[in-house]
Amino acid sequence: MTKLLITGLLVGIIAGLVGALCGVGGGIIMVPAFVMALGMGQKTAVATSLAVVVVSGLSGTVNNAVNSDLIQWKVVAVTALGAAVASWFGADLMRSLSNPQLQKGFAVLMIAVGVRMLLMKG
């Protein structure tokens, strides 16, 4: 239980903070599309992506909860706690950054993750 608690909280904190700064889930698709295709500012695109993910996540969660036993609810509870707290403060941080700063940070994160994935074995 200690490993679950520590891991869940850490993952939640990181996911919440990154999600609040970059957009969650479909952020890798939605945020760039909102910025490039709809001309939104980076902050508006991130905030809009977060709102879409609420609905999208709820839909997928209900489907998985009804049709399978894939969801580990203890992990959800612990991770969601860390994510919710970090997201709250991350949203404040996001609003304090300029659109160009946020856009550059998002781009650096995507490049770093992409390079990491390319270098992974298997």
PDB file of N, CA and C in Angstrom:
ATOM      1  N   MET A   1       0.824  -1.205   0.000  1.00  0.00           N
ATOM      2  CA  MET A   1       0.000   0.000   0.000  1.00  0.00           C
ATOM      3  C   MET A   1       0.864   1.263   0.000  1.00  0.00           C
ATOM      4  N   THR A   2       2.031   1.234   0.678  1.00  0.00           N
ATOM      5  CA  THR A   2       2.910   2.399   0.703  1.00  0.00           C
ATOM      6  C   THR A   2       3.428   2.720  -0.691  1.00  0.00           C
ATOM      7  N   LYS A   3       3.821   1.677  -1.453  1.00  0.00           N
ATOM      8  CA  LYS A   3       4.299   1.889  -2.820  1.00  0.00           C
ATOM      9  C   LYS A   3       3.197   2.511  -3.666  1.00  0.00           C
ATOM     10  N   LEU A   4       1.976   2.003  -3.540  1.00  0.00           N
ATOM     11  CA  LEU A   4       0.835   2.543  -4.279  1.00  0.00           C
ATOM     12  C   LEU A   4       0.620   4.009  -3.924  1.00  0.00           C
ATOM     13  N   LEU A   5       0.654   4.326  -2.654  1.00  0.00           N
ATOM     14  CA  LEU A   5       0.412   5.689  -2.205  1.00  0.00           C
ATOM     15  C   LEU A   5       1.477   6.647  -2.734  1.00  0.00           C
ATOM     16  N   ILE A   6       2.732   6.298  -2.572  1.00  0.00           N
ATOM     17  CA  ILE A   6       3.820   7.174  -3.015  1.00  0.00           C
ATOM     18  C   ILE A   6       3.842   7.294  -4.535  1.00  0.00           C
ATOM     19  N   THR A   7       3.771   6.155  -5.216  1.00  0.00           N
ATOM     20  CA  THR A   7       3.796   6.178  -6.688  1.00  0.00           C
ATOM     21  C   THR A   7       2.592   6.911  -7.239  1.00  0.00           C
ATOM     22  N   GLY A   8       1.421   6.589  -6.710  1.00  0.00           N
ATOM     23  CA  GLY A   8       0.198   7.235  -7.182  1.00  0.00           C
ATOM     24  C   GLY A   8       0.228   8.737  -6.993  1.00  0.00           C
ATOM     25  N   LEU A   9       0.652   9.189  -5.824  1.00  0.00           N
ATOM     26  CA  LEU A   9       0.722  10.628  -5.574  1.00  0.00           C
ATOM     27  C   LEU A   9       1.744  11.309  -6.477  1.00  0.00           C
ATOM     28  N   LEU A  10       2.925  10.700  -6.642  1.00  0.00           N
ATOM     29  CA  LEU A  10       3.952  11.298  -7.507  1.00  0.00           C
ATOM     30  C   LEU A  10       3.498  11.366  -8.963  1.00  0.00           C
ATOM     31  N   VAL A  11       2.927  10.275  -9.442  1.00  0.00           N
ATOM     32  CA  VAL A  11       2.426  10.263 -10.819  1.00  0.00           C
ATOM     33  C   VAL A  11       1.319  11.306 -10.974  1.00  0.00           C
ATOM     34  N   GLY A  12       0.440  11.363  -9.995  1.00  0.00           N
ATOM     35  CA  GLY A  12      -0.643  12.337 -10.041  1.00  0.00           C
ATOM     36  C   GLY A  12      -0.142  13.766 -10.046  1.00  0.00           C
ATOM     37  N   ILE A  13       0.833  14.055  -9.190  1.00  0.00           N
ATOM     38  CA  ILE A  13       1.383  15.413  -9.116  1.00  0.00           C
ATOM     39  C   ILE A  13       2.023  15.804 -10.449  1.00  0.00           C
ATOM     40  N   ILE A  14       2.838  14.914 -10.994  1.00  0.00           N
ATOM     41  CA  ILE A  14       3.497  15.208 -12.271  1.00  0.00           C
ATOM     42  C   ILE A  14       2.461  15.341 -13.389  1.00  0.00           C
ATOM     43  N   ALA A  15       1.526  14.396 -13.452  1.00  0.00           N
ATOM     44  CA  ALA A  15       0.501  14.438 -14.499  1.00  0.00           C
ATOM     45  C   ALA A  15      -0.385  15.673 -14.357  1.00  0.00           C
ATOM     46  N   GLY A  16      -0.733  16.012 -13.132  1.00  0.00           N
ATOM     47  CA  GLY A  16      -1.570  17.188 -12.919  1.00  0.00           C
ATOM     48  C   GLY A  16      -0.875  18.469 -13.326  1.00  0.00           C
ATOM     49  N   LEU A  17       0.390  18.598 -12.945  1.00  0.00           N
ATOM     50  CA  LEU A  17       1.139  19.794 -13.287  1.00  0.00           C
ATOM     51  C   LEU A  17       1.369  19.894 -14.791  1.00  0.00           C
ATOM     52  N   VAL A  18       1.839  18.820 -15.394  1.00  0.00           N
ATOM     53  CA  VAL A  18       2.069  18.830 -16.849  1.00  0.00           C
ATOM     54  C   VAL A  18       0.749  19.022 -17.594  1.00  0.00           C
ATOM     55  N   GLY A  19      -0.302  18.364 -17.121  1.00  0.00           N
ATOM     56  CA  GLY A  19      -1.601  18.510 -17.768  1.00  0.00           C
ATOM     57  C   GLY A  19      -2.111  19.944 -17.711  1.00  0.00           C
ATOM     58  N   ALA A  20      -1.942  20.594 -16.570  1.00  0.00           N
ATOM     59  CA  ALA A  20      -2.405  21.976 -16.430  1.00  0.00           C
ATOM     60  C   ALA A  20      -1.587  22.940 -17.284  1.00  0.00           C
ATOM     61  N   LEU A  21      -0.343  22.586 -17.559  1.00  0.00           N
ATOM     62  CA  LEU A  21       0.515  23.445 -18.373  1.00  0.00           C
ATOM     63  C   LEU A  21       0.419  23.130 -19.866  1.00  0.00           C
ATOM     64  N   CYS A  22       0.114  21.888 -20.220  1.00  0.00           N
ATOM     65  CA  CYS A  22       0.174  21.476 -21.631  1.00  0.00           C
ATOM     66  C   CYS A  22      -1.151  20.972 -22.197  1.00  0.00           C
ATOM     67  N   GLY A  23      -2.112  20.677 -21.351  1.00  0.00           N
ATOM     68  CA  GLY A  23      -3.352  20.052 -21.803  1.00  0.00           C
ATOM     69  C   GLY A  23      -3.240  18.558 -21.577  1.00  0.00           C
ATOM     70  N   VAL A  24      -4.323  17.950 -21.177  1.00  0.00           N
ATOM     71  CA  VAL A  24      -4.302  16.538 -20.799  1.00  0.00           C
ATOM     72  C   VAL A  24      -4.808  15.671 -21.941  1.00  0.00           C
ATOM     73  N   GLY A  25      -4.363  14.427 -21.966  1.00  0.00           N
ATOM     74  CA  GLY A  25      -4.915  13.451 -22.903  1.00  0.00           C
ATOM     75  C   GLY A  25      -4.688  13.832 -24.340  1.00  0.00           C
ATOM     76  N   GLY A  26      -5.685  14.372 -24.949  1.00  0.00           N
ATOM     77  CA  GLY A  26      -5.610  14.770 -26.350  1.00  0.00           C
ATOM     78  C   GLY A  26      -4.821  16.048 -26.564  1.00  0.00           C
ATOM     79  N   GLY A  27      -4.169  16.541 -25.511  1.00  0.00           N
ATOM     80  CA  GLY A  27      -3.410  17.780 -25.617  1.00  0.00           C
ATOM     81  C   GLY A  27      -2.369  17.756 -26.712  1.00  0.00           C
ATOM     82  N   ILE A  28      -1.810  16.593 -26.976  1.00  0.00           N
ATOM     83  CA  ILE A  28      -0.797  16.501 -28.025  1.00  0.00           C
ATOM     84  C   ILE A  28      -1.435  16.721 -29.404  1.00  0.00           C
ATOM     85  N   ILE A  29      -2.724  16.472 -29.508  1.00  0.00           N
ATOM     86  CA  ILE A  29      -3.449  16.715 -30.758  1.00  0.00           C
ATOM     87  C   ILE A  29      -4.252  18.009 -30.675  1.00  0.00           C
ATOM     88  N   MET A  30      -5.030  18.141 -29.600  1.00  0.00           N
ATOM     89  CA  MET A  30      -5.936  19.284 -29.488  1.00  0.00           C
ATOM     90  C   MET A  30      -5.215  20.612 -29.383  1.00  0.00           C
ATOM     91  N   VAL A  31      -4.245  20.725 -28.498  1.00  0.00           N
ATOM     92  CA  VAL A  31      -3.596  22.024 -28.288  1.00  0.00           C
ATOM     93  C   VAL A  31      -2.951  22.536 -29.578  1.00  0.00           C
ATOM     94  N   PRO A  32      -2.105  21.742 -30.245  1.00  0.00           N
ATOM     95  CA  PRO A  32      -1.552  22.261 -31.510  1.00  0.00           C
ATOM     96  C   PRO A  32      -2.633  22.561 -32.554  1.00  0.00           C
ATOM     97  N   ALA A  33      -3.663  21.733 -32.628  1.00  0.00           N
ATOM     98  CA  ALA A  33      -4.735  21.976 -33.604  1.00  0.00           C
ATOM     99  C   ALA A  33      -5.490  23.263 -33.280  1.00  0.00           C
ATOM    100  N   PHE A  34      -5.792  23.478 -32.015  1.00  0.00           N
ATOM    101  CA  PHE A  34      -6.496  24.704 -31.623  1.00  0.00           C
ATOM    102  C   PHE A  34      -5.648  25.936 -31.927  1.00  0.00           C
ATOM    103  N   VAL A  35      -4.332  25.845 -31.686  1.00  0.00           N
ATOM    104  CA  VAL A  35      -3.442  26.974 -31.934  1.00  0.00           C
ATOM    105  C   VAL A  35      -3.294  27.213 -33.436  1.00  0.00           C
ATOM    106  N   MET A  36      -2.972  26.151 -34.184  1.00  0.00           N
ATOM    107  CA  MET A  36      -2.663  26.323 -35.605  1.00  0.00           C
ATOM    108  C   MET A  36      -3.907  26.456 -36.479  1.00  0.00           C
ATOM    109  N   ALA A  37      -4.923  25.648 -36.246  1.00  0.00           N
ATOM    110  CA  ALA A  37      -6.092  25.654 -37.130  1.00  0.00           C
ATOM    111  C   ALA A  37      -7.144  26.686 -36.722  1.00  0.00           C
ATOM    112  N   LEU A  38      -7.275  26.923 -35.415  1.00  0.00           N
ATOM    113  CA  LEU A  38      -8.310  27.848 -34.954  1.00  0.00           C
ATOM    114  C   LEU A  38      -7.750  29.196 -34.510  1.00  0.00           C
ATOM    115  N   GLY A  39      -6.423  29.304 -34.480  1.00  0.00           N
ATOM    116  CA  GLY A  39      -5.800  30.573 -34.127  1.00  0.00           C
ATOM    117  C   GLY A  39      -5.921  30.950 -32.653  1.00  0.00           C
ATOM    118  N   MET A  40      -6.148  29.974 -31.783  1.00  0.00           N
ATOM    119  CA  MET A  40      -6.236  30.259 -30.349  1.00  0.00           C
ATOM    120  C   MET A  40      -4.855  30.578 -29.802  1.00  0.00           C
ATOM    121  N   GLY A  41      -4.817  31.366 -28.747  1.00  0.00           N
ATOM    122  CA  GLY A  41      -3.582  31.538 -28.000  1.00  0.00           C
ATOM    123  C   GLY A  41      -3.287  30.245 -27.247  1.00  0.00           C
ATOM    124  N   GLN A  42      -2.032  30.040 -26.894  1.00  0.00           N
ATOM    125  CA  GLN A  42      -1.627  28.800 -26.233  1.00  0.00           C
ATOM    126  C   GLN A  42      -2.416  28.580 -24.940  1.00  0.00           C
ATOM    127  N   LYS A  43      -2.580  29.614 -24.129  1.00  0.00           N
ATOM    128  CA  LYS A  43      -3.303  29.472 -22.864  1.00  0.00           C
ATOM    129  C   LYS A  43      -4.744  29.046 -23.097  1.00  0.00           C
ATOM    130  N   THR A  44      -5.409  29.679 -24.046  1.00  0.00           N
ATOM    131  CA  THR A  44      -6.798  29.334 -24.350  1.00  0.00           C
ATOM    132  C   THR A  44      -6.893  27.911 -24.877  1.00  0.00           C
ATOM    133  N   ALA A  45      -5.934  27.515 -25.705  1.00  0.00           N
ATOM    134  CA  ALA A  45      -5.931  26.146 -26.244  1.00  0.00           C
ATOM    135  C   ALA A  45      -5.759  25.118 -25.134  1.00  0.00           C
ATOM    136  N   VAL A  46      -4.859  25.385 -24.189  1.00  0.00           N
ATOM    137  CA  VAL A  46      -4.645  24.459 -23.071  1.00  0.00           C
ATOM    138  C   VAL A  46      -5.898  24.367 -22.212  1.00  0.00           C
ATOM    139  N   ALA A  47      -6.465  25.512 -21.845  1.00  0.00           N
ATOM    140  CA  ALA A  47      -7.660  25.525 -20.995  1.00  0.00           C
ATOM    141  C   ALA A  47      -8.832  24.832 -21.689  1.00  0.00           C
ATOM    142  N   THR A  48      -8.981  25.048 -22.986  1.00  0.00           N
ATOM    143  CA  THR A  48     -10.054  24.408 -23.747  1.00  0.00           C
ATOM    144  C   THR A  48      -9.841  22.903 -23.820  1.00  0.00           C
ATOM    145  N   SER A  49      -8.600  22.483 -24.029  1.00  0.00           N
ATOM    146  CA  SER A  49      -8.269  21.060 -24.057  1.00  0.00           C
ATOM    147  C   SER A  49      -8.627  20.385 -22.733  1.00  0.00           C
ATOM    148  N   LEU A  50      -8.310  21.046 -21.618  1.00  0.00           N
ATOM    149  CA  LEU A  50      -8.635  20.482 -20.306  1.00  0.00           C
ATOM    150  C   LEU A  50     -10.136  20.268 -20.163  1.00  0.00           C
ATOM    151  N   ALA A  51     -10.929  21.224 -20.637  1.00  0.00           N
ATOM    152  CA  ALA A  51     -12.385  21.096 -20.536  1.00  0.00           C
ATOM    153  C   ALA A  51     -12.907  19.951 -21.400  1.00  0.00           C
ATOM    154  N   VAL A  52     -12.356  19.793 -22.602  1.00  0.00           N
ATOM    155  CA  VAL A  52     -12.765  18.692 -23.482  1.00  0.00           C
ATOM    156  C   VAL A  52     -12.429  17.350 -22.848  1.00  0.00           C
ATOM    157  N   VAL A  53     -11.276  17.261 -22.211  1.00  0.00           N
ATOM    158  CA  VAL A  53     -10.826  16.006 -21.627  1.00  0.00           C
ATOM    159  C   VAL A  53     -11.748  15.553 -20.488  1.00  0.00           C
ATOM    160  N   VAL A  54     -12.360  16.493 -19.791  1.00  0.00           N
ATOM    161  CA  VAL A  54     -13.312  16.116 -18.736  1.00  0.00           C
ATOM    162  C   VAL A  54     -14.421  15.253 -19.331  1.00  0.00           C
ATOM    163  N   VAL A  55     -14.997  15.717 -20.421  1.00  0.00           N
ATOM    164  CA  VAL A  55     -16.095  14.995 -21.062  1.00  0.00           C
ATOM    165  C   VAL A  55     -15.595  13.698 -21.696  1.00  0.00           C
ATOM    166  N   SER A  56     -14.493  13.782 -22.409  1.00  0.00           N
ATOM    167  CA  SER A  56     -13.917  12.609 -23.065  1.00  0.00           C
ATOM    168  C   SER A  56     -13.524  11.544 -22.045  1.00  0.00           C
ATOM    169  N   GLY A  57     -12.856  11.956 -20.987  1.00  0.00           N
ATOM    170  CA  GLY A  57     -12.429  11.018 -19.948  1.00  0.00           C
ATOM    171  C   GLY A  57     -13.607  10.359 -19.252  1.00  0.00           C
ATOM    172  N   LEU A  58     -14.646  11.128 -18.996  1.00  0.00           N
ATOM    173  CA  LEU A  58     -15.832  10.563 -18.356  1.00  0.00           C
ATOM    174  C   LEU A  58     -16.487   9.512 -19.253  1.00  0.00           C
ATOM    175  N   SER A  59     -16.574   9.797 -20.533  1.00  0.00           N
ATOM    176  CA  SER A  59     -17.171   8.860 -21.483  1.00  0.00           C
ATOM    177  C   SER A  59     -16.398   7.542 -21.520  1.00  0.00           C
ATOM    178  N   GLY A  60     -15.087   7.622 -21.666  1.00  0.00           N
ATOM    179  CA  GLY A  60     -14.269   6.410 -21.701  1.00  0.00           C
ATOM    180  C   GLY A  60     -14.284   5.663 -20.382  1.00  0.00           C
ATOM    181  N   THR A  61     -14.305   6.404 -19.275  1.00  0.00           N
ATOM    182  CA  THR A  61     -14.328   5.772 -17.956  1.00  0.00           C
ATOM    183  C   THR A  61     -15.625   5.004 -17.738  1.00  0.00           C
ATOM    184  N   VAL A  62     -16.741   5.609 -18.097  1.00  0.00           N
ATOM    185  CA  VAL A  62     -18.031   4.925 -17.947  1.00  0.00           C
ATOM    186  C   VAL A  62     -18.047   3.651 -18.783  1.00  0.00           C
ATOM    187  N   ASN A  63     -17.574   3.737 -20.021  1.00  0.00           N
ATOM    188  CA  ASN A  63     -17.537   2.556 -20.887  1.00  0.00           C
ATOM    189  C   ASN A  63     -16.674   1.466 -20.261  1.00  0.00           C
ATOM    190  N   ASN A  64     -15.487   1.813 -19.777  1.00  0.00           N
ATOM    191  CA  ASN A  64     -14.611   0.813 -19.165  1.00  0.00           C
ATOM    192  C   ASN A  64     -15.183   0.262 -17.868  1.00  0.00           C
ATOM    193  N   ALA A  65     -15.820   1.101 -17.083  1.00  0.00           N
ATOM    194  CA  ALA A  65     -16.388   0.649 -15.810  1.00  0.00           C
ATOM    195  C   ALA A  65     -17.551  -0.317 -16.036  1.00  0.00           C
ATOM    196  N   VAL A  66     -18.335  -0.066 -17.063  1.00  0.00           N
ATOM    197  CA  VAL A  66     -19.505  -0.902 -17.349  1.00  0.00           C
ATOM    198  C   VAL A  66     -19.117  -2.197 -18.056  1.00  0.00           C
ATOM    199  N   ASN A  67     -18.145  -2.123 -18.948  1.00  0.00           N
ATOM    200  CA  ASN A  67     -17.842  -3.250 -19.832  1.00  0.00           C
ATOM    201  C   ASN A  67     -16.574  -4.029 -19.498  1.00  0.00           C
ATOM    202  N   SER A  68     -15.879  -3.658 -18.424  1.00  0.00           N
ATOM    203  CA  SER A  68     -14.660  -4.392 -18.087  1.00  0.00           C
ATOM    204  C   SER A  68     -14.276  -4.123 -16.633  1.00  0.00           C
ATOM    205  N   ASP A  69     -13.266  -4.813 -16.205  1.00  0.00           N
ATOM    206  CA  ASP A  69     -12.737  -4.580 -14.861  1.00  0.00           C
ATOM    207  C   ASP A  69     -11.310  -4.026 -14.944  1.00  0.00           C
ATOM    208  N   LEU A  70     -11.043  -3.224 -15.961  1.00  0.00           N
ATOM    209  CA  LEU A  70      -9.695  -2.714 -16.201  1.00  0.00           C
ATOM    210  C   LEU A  70      -9.281  -1.597 -15.250  1.00  0.00           C
ATOM    211  N   ILE A  71     -10.229  -0.881 -14.683  1.00  0.00           N
ATOM    212  CA  ILE A  71      -9.891   0.280 -13.862  1.00  0.00           C
ATOM    213  C   ILE A  71      -9.492  -0.172 -12.461  1.00  0.00           C
ATOM    214  N   GLN A  72      -8.346   0.270 -12.020  1.00  0.00           N
ATOM    215  CA  GLN A  72      -7.886  -0.008 -10.658  1.00  0.00           C
ATOM    216  C   GLN A  72      -8.245   1.210  -9.803  1.00  0.00           C
ATOM    217  N   TRP A  73      -9.382   1.139  -9.117  1.00  0.00           N
ATOM    218  CA  TRP A  73      -9.953   2.287  -8.423  1.00  0.00           C
ATOM    219  C   TRP A  73      -9.080   2.809  -7.296  1.00  0.00           C
ATOM    220  N   LYS A  74      -8.296   1.951  -6.637  1.00  0.00           N
ATOM    221  CA  LYS A  74      -7.384   2.434  -5.589  1.00  0.00           C
ATOM    222  C   LYS A  74      -6.315   3.333  -6.203  1.00  0.00           C
ATOM    223  N   VAL A  75      -5.792   2.931  -7.361  1.00  0.00           N
ATOM    224  CA  VAL A  75      -4.800   3.750  -8.059  1.00  0.00           C
ATOM    225  C   VAL A  75      -5.441   5.061  -8.510  1.00  0.00           C
ATOM    226  N   VAL A  76      -6.665   4.985  -9.007  1.00  0.00           N
ATOM    227  CA  VAL A  76      -7.381   6.187  -9.425  1.00  0.00           C
ATOM    228  C   VAL A  76      -7.498   7.165  -8.263  1.00  0.00           C
ATOM    229  N   ALA A  77      -7.922   6.680  -7.110  1.00  0.00           N
ATOM    230  CA  ALA A  77      -8.145   7.554  -5.957  1.00  0.00           C
ATOM    231  C   ALA A  77      -6.865   8.267  -5.534  1.00  0.00           C
ATOM    232  N   VAL A  78      -5.785   7.522  -5.413  1.00  0.00           N
ATOM    233  CA  VAL A  78      -4.522   8.110  -4.951  1.00  0.00           C
ATOM    234  C   VAL A  78      -3.942   9.046  -6.002  1.00  0.00           C
ATOM    235  N   THR A  79      -3.910   8.608  -7.246  1.00  0.00           N
ATOM    236  CA  THR A  79      -3.327   9.411  -8.319  1.00  0.00           C
ATOM    237  C   THR A  79      -4.166  10.662  -8.579  1.00  0.00           C
ATOM    238  N   ALA A  80      -5.482  10.520  -8.544  1.00  0.00           N
ATOM    239  CA  ALA A  80      -6.367  11.666  -8.778  1.00  0.00           C
ATOM    240  C   ALA A  80      -6.179  12.733  -7.704  1.00  0.00           C
ATOM    241  N   LEU A  81      -5.921  12.324  -6.485  1.00  0.00           N
ATOM    242  CA  LEU A  81      -5.686  13.293  -5.412  1.00  0.00           C
ATOM    243  C   LEU A  81      -4.462  14.157  -5.741  1.00  0.00           C
ATOM    244  N   GLY A  82      -3.351  13.514  -6.063  1.00  0.00           N
ATOM    245  CA  GLY A  82      -2.143  14.260  -6.428  1.00  0.00           C
ATOM    246  C   GLY A  82      -2.357  15.114  -7.667  1.00  0.00           C
ATOM    247  N   ALA A  83      -3.048  14.565  -8.662  1.00  0.00           N
ATOM    248  CA  ALA A  83      -3.278  15.288  -9.913  1.00  0.00           C
ATOM    249  C   ALA A  83      -4.176  16.505  -9.704  1.00  0.00           C
ATOM    250  N   ALA A  84      -5.202  16.353  -8.886  1.00  0.00           N
ATOM    251  CA  ALA A  84      -6.133  17.461  -8.661  1.00  0.00           C
ATOM    252  C   ALA A  84      -5.439  18.636  -7.975  1.00  0.00           C
ATOM    253  N   VAL A  85      -4.648  18.338  -6.970  1.00  0.00           N
ATOM    254  CA  VAL A  85      -3.937  19.402  -6.255  1.00  0.00           C
ATOM    255  C   VAL A  85      -2.920  20.071  -7.178  1.00  0.00           C
ATOM    256  N   ALA A  86      -2.127  19.268  -7.888  1.00  0.00           N
ATOM    257  CA  ALA A  86      -1.109  19.828  -8.779  1.00  0.00           C
ATOM    258  C   ALA A  86      -1.742  20.604  -9.933  1.00  0.00           C
ATOM    259  N   SER A  87      -2.875  20.130 -10.447  1.00  0.00           N
ATOM    260  CA  SER A  87      -3.560  20.826 -11.537  1.00  0.00           C
ATOM    261  C   SER A  87      -4.054  22.197 -11.098  1.00  0.00           C
ATOM    262  N   TRP A  88      -4.544  22.273  -9.871  1.00  0.00           N
ATOM    263  CA  TRP A  88      -5.027  23.555  -9.350  1.00  0.00           C
ATOM    264  C   TRP A  88      -3.902  24.594  -9.394  1.00  0.00           C
ATOM    265  N   PHE A  89      -2.741  24.212  -8.860  1.00  0.00           N
ATOM    266  CA  PHE A  89      -1.612  25.137  -8.829  1.00  0.00           C
ATOM    267  C   PHE A  89      -0.987  25.294 -10.216  1.00  0.00           C
ATOM    268  N   GLY A  90      -1.018  24.239 -11.019  1.00  0.00           N
ATOM    269  CA  GLY A  90      -0.496  24.306 -12.376  1.00  0.00           C
ATOM    270  C   GLY A  90      -1.283  25.269 -13.248  1.00  0.00           C
ATOM    271  N   ALA A  91      -2.597  25.338 -13.038  1.00  0.00           N
ATOM    272  CA  ALA A  91      -3.429  26.279 -13.801  1.00  0.00           C
ATOM    273  C   ALA A  91      -3.046  27.719 -13.463  1.00  0.00           C
ATOM    274  N   ASP A  92      -2.752  27.988 -12.178  1.00  0.00           N
ATOM    275  CA  ASP A  92      -2.270  29.320 -11.796  1.00  0.00           C
ATOM    276  C   ASP A  92      -0.938  29.621 -12.474  1.00  0.00           C
ATOM    277  N   LEU A  93      -0.040  28.636 -12.472  1.00  0.00           N
ATOM    278  CA  LEU A  93       1.260  28.805 -13.117  1.00  0.00           C
ATOM    279  C   LEU A  93       1.085  29.052 -14.607  1.00  0.00           C
ATOM    280  N   MET A  94       0.207  28.290 -15.249  1.00  0.00           N
ATOM    281  CA  MET A  94      -0.034  28.442 -16.687  1.00  0.00           C
ATOM    282  C   MET A  94      -0.488  29.865 -17.009  1.00  0.00           C
ATOM    283  N   ARG A  95      -1.397  30.400 -16.217  1.00  0.00           N
ATOM    284  CA  ARG A  95      -1.902  31.750 -16.482  1.00  0.00           C
ATOM    285  C   ARG A  95      -0.833  32.815 -16.239  1.00  0.00           C
ATOM    286  N   SER A  96       0.157  32.513 -15.413  1.00  0.00           N
ATOM    287  CA  SER A  96       1.209  33.488 -15.135  1.00  0.00           C
ATOM    288  C   SER A  96       2.266  33.551 -16.241  1.00  0.00           C
ATOM    289  N   LEU A  97       2.295  32.545 -17.101  1.00  0.00           N
ATOM    290  CA  LEU A  97       3.252  32.515 -18.207  1.00  0.00           C
ATOM    291  C   LEU A  97       2.662  33.218 -19.424  1.00  0.00           C
ATOM    292  N   SER A  98       3.511  33.728 -20.275  1.00  0.00           N
ATOM    293  CA  SER A  98       3.028  34.317 -21.523  1.00  0.00           C
ATOM    294  C   SER A  98       2.710  33.191 -22.510  1.00  0.00           C
ATOM    295  N   ASN A  99       1.918  33.497 -23.519  1.00  0.00           N
ATOM    296  CA  ASN A  99       1.626  32.498 -24.549  1.00  0.00           C
ATOM    297  C   ASN A  99       2.902  31.973 -25.203  1.00  0.00           C
ATOM    298  N   PRO A 100       3.853  32.840 -25.569  1.00  0.00           N
ATOM    299  CA  PRO A 100       5.096  32.321 -26.165  1.00  0.00           C
ATOM    300  C   PRO A 100       5.889  31.428 -25.205  1.00  0.00           C
ATOM    301  N   GLN A 101       5.966  31.793 -23.930  1.00  0.00           N
ATOM    302  CA  GLN A 101       6.675  30.949 -22.959  1.00  0.00           C
ATOM    303  C   GLN A 101       6.026  29.574 -22.862  1.00  0.00           C
ATOM    304  N   LEU A 102       4.716  29.566 -22.768  1.00  0.00           N
ATOM    305  CA  LEU A 102       3.978  28.311 -22.645  1.00  0.00           C
ATOM    306  C   LEU A 102       4.131  27.462 -23.903  1.00  0.00           C
ATOM    307  N   GLN A 103       4.062  28.110 -25.053  1.00  0.00           N
ATOM    308  CA  GLN A 103       4.203  27.388 -26.314  1.00  0.00           C
ATOM    309  C   GLN A 103       5.593  26.770 -26.444  1.00  0.00           C
ATOM    310  N   LYS A 104       6.613  27.496 -26.064  1.00  0.00           N
ATOM    311  CA  LYS A 104       7.977  26.957 -26.125  1.00  0.00           C
ATOM    312  C   LYS A 104       8.160  25.807 -25.143  1.00  0.00           C
ATOM    313  N   GLY A 105       7.622  25.949 -23.947  1.00  0.00           N
ATOM    314  CA  GLY A 105       7.707  24.869 -22.965  1.00  0.00           C
ATOM    315  C   GLY A 105       7.014  23.610 -23.450  1.00  0.00           C
ATOM    316  N   PHE A 106       5.843  23.773 -24.052  1.00  0.00           N
ATOM    317  CA  PHE A 106       5.100  22.650 -24.616  1.00  0.00           C
ATOM    318  C   PHE A 106       5.922  21.974 -25.711  1.00  0.00           C
ATOM    319  N   ALA A 107       6.519  22.779 -26.594  1.00  0.00           N
ATOM    320  CA  ALA A 107       7.326  22.227 -27.697  1.00  0.00           C
ATOM    321  C   ALA A 107       8.534  21.468 -27.170  1.00  0.00           C
ATOM    322  N   VAL A 108       9.209  22.013 -26.168  1.00  0.00           N
ATOM    323  CA  VAL A 108      10.379  21.343 -25.587  1.00  0.00           C
ATOM    324  C   VAL A 108       9.970  20.010 -24.971  1.00  0.00           C
ATOM    325  N   LEU A 109       8.851  19.992 -24.252  1.00  0.00           N
ATOM    326  CA  LEU A 109       8.367  18.747 -23.659  1.00  0.00           C
ATOM    327  C   LEU A 109       8.070  17.704 -24.740  1.00  0.00           C
ATOM    328  N   MET A 110       7.400  18.102 -25.809  1.00  0.00           N
ATOM    329  CA  MET A 110       7.074  17.157 -26.883  1.00  0.00           C
ATOM    330  C   MET A 110       8.338  16.614 -27.540  1.00  0.00           C
ATOM    331  N   ILE A 111       9.321  17.480 -27.770  1.00  0.00           N
ATOM    332  CA  ILE A 111      10.589  17.029 -28.366  1.00  0.00           C
ATOM    333  C   ILE A 111      11.296  16.057 -27.425  1.00  0.00           C
ATOM    334  N   ALA A 112      11.364  16.400 -26.143  1.00  0.00           N
ATOM    335  CA  ALA A 112      12.044  15.531 -25.173  1.00  0.00           C
ATOM    336  C   ALA A 112      11.375  14.167 -25.091  1.00  0.00           C
ATOM    337  N   VAL A 113      10.054  14.151 -25.057  1.00  0.00           N
ATOM    338  CA  VAL A 113       9.334  12.876 -24.995  1.00  0.00           C
ATOM    339  C   VAL A 113       9.548  12.090 -26.287  1.00  0.00           C
ATOM    340  N   GLY A 114       9.499  12.778 -27.424  1.00  0.00           N
ATOM    341  CA  GLY A 114       9.713  12.107 -28.704  1.00  0.00           C
ATOM    342  C   GLY A 114      11.104  11.494 -28.819  1.00  0.00           C
ATOM    343  N   VAL A 115      12.118  12.237 -28.417  1.00  0.00           N
ATOM    344  CA  VAL A 115      13.496  11.727 -28.451  1.00  0.00           C
ATOM    345  C   VAL A 115      13.621  10.525 -27.520  1.00  0.00           C
ATOM    346  N   ARG A 116      13.054  10.649 -26.333  1.00  0.00           N
ATOM    347  CA  ARG A 116      13.103   9.538 -25.356  1.00  0.00           C
ATOM    348  C   ARG A 116      12.464   8.285 -25.951  1.00  0.00           C
ATOM    349  N   MET A 117      11.321   8.453 -26.604  1.00  0.00           N
ATOM    350  CA  MET A 117      10.641   7.304 -27.209  1.00  0.00           C
ATOM    351  C   MET A 117      11.466   6.697 -28.338  1.00  0.00           C
ATOM    352  N   LEU A 118      12.126   7.537 -29.123  1.00  0.00           N
ATOM    353  CA  LEU A 118      12.961   7.029 -30.217  1.00  0.00           C
ATOM    354  C   LEU A 118      14.150   6.249 -29.699  1.00  0.00           C
ATOM    355  N   LEU A 119      14.667   6.619 -28.540  1.00  0.00           N
ATOM    356  CA  LEU A 119      15.838   5.946 -27.974  1.00  0.00           C
ATOM    357  C   LEU A 119      15.514   4.710 -27.145  1.00  0.00           C
ATOM    358  N   MET A 120      14.238   4.480 -26.874  1.00  0.00           N
ATOM    359  CA  MET A 120      13.844   3.314 -26.072  1.00  0.00           C
ATOM    360  C   MET A 120      14.095   2.035 -26.847  1.00  0.00           C
ATOM    361  N   LYS A 121      14.451   1.016 -26.107  1.00  0.00           N
ATOM    362  CA  LYS A 121      14.637  -0.304 -26.726  1.00  0.00           C
ATOM    363  C   LYS A 121      13.349  -1.091 -26.572  1.00  0.00           C
ATOM    364  N   GLY A 122      13.017  -1.849 -27.635  1.00  0.00           N
ATOM    365  CA  GLY A 122      11.848  -2.729 -27.589  1.00  0.00           C
ATOM    366  C   GLY A 122      10.633  -1.963 -27.704  1.00  0.00           C
TER     367      GLY A 122
END
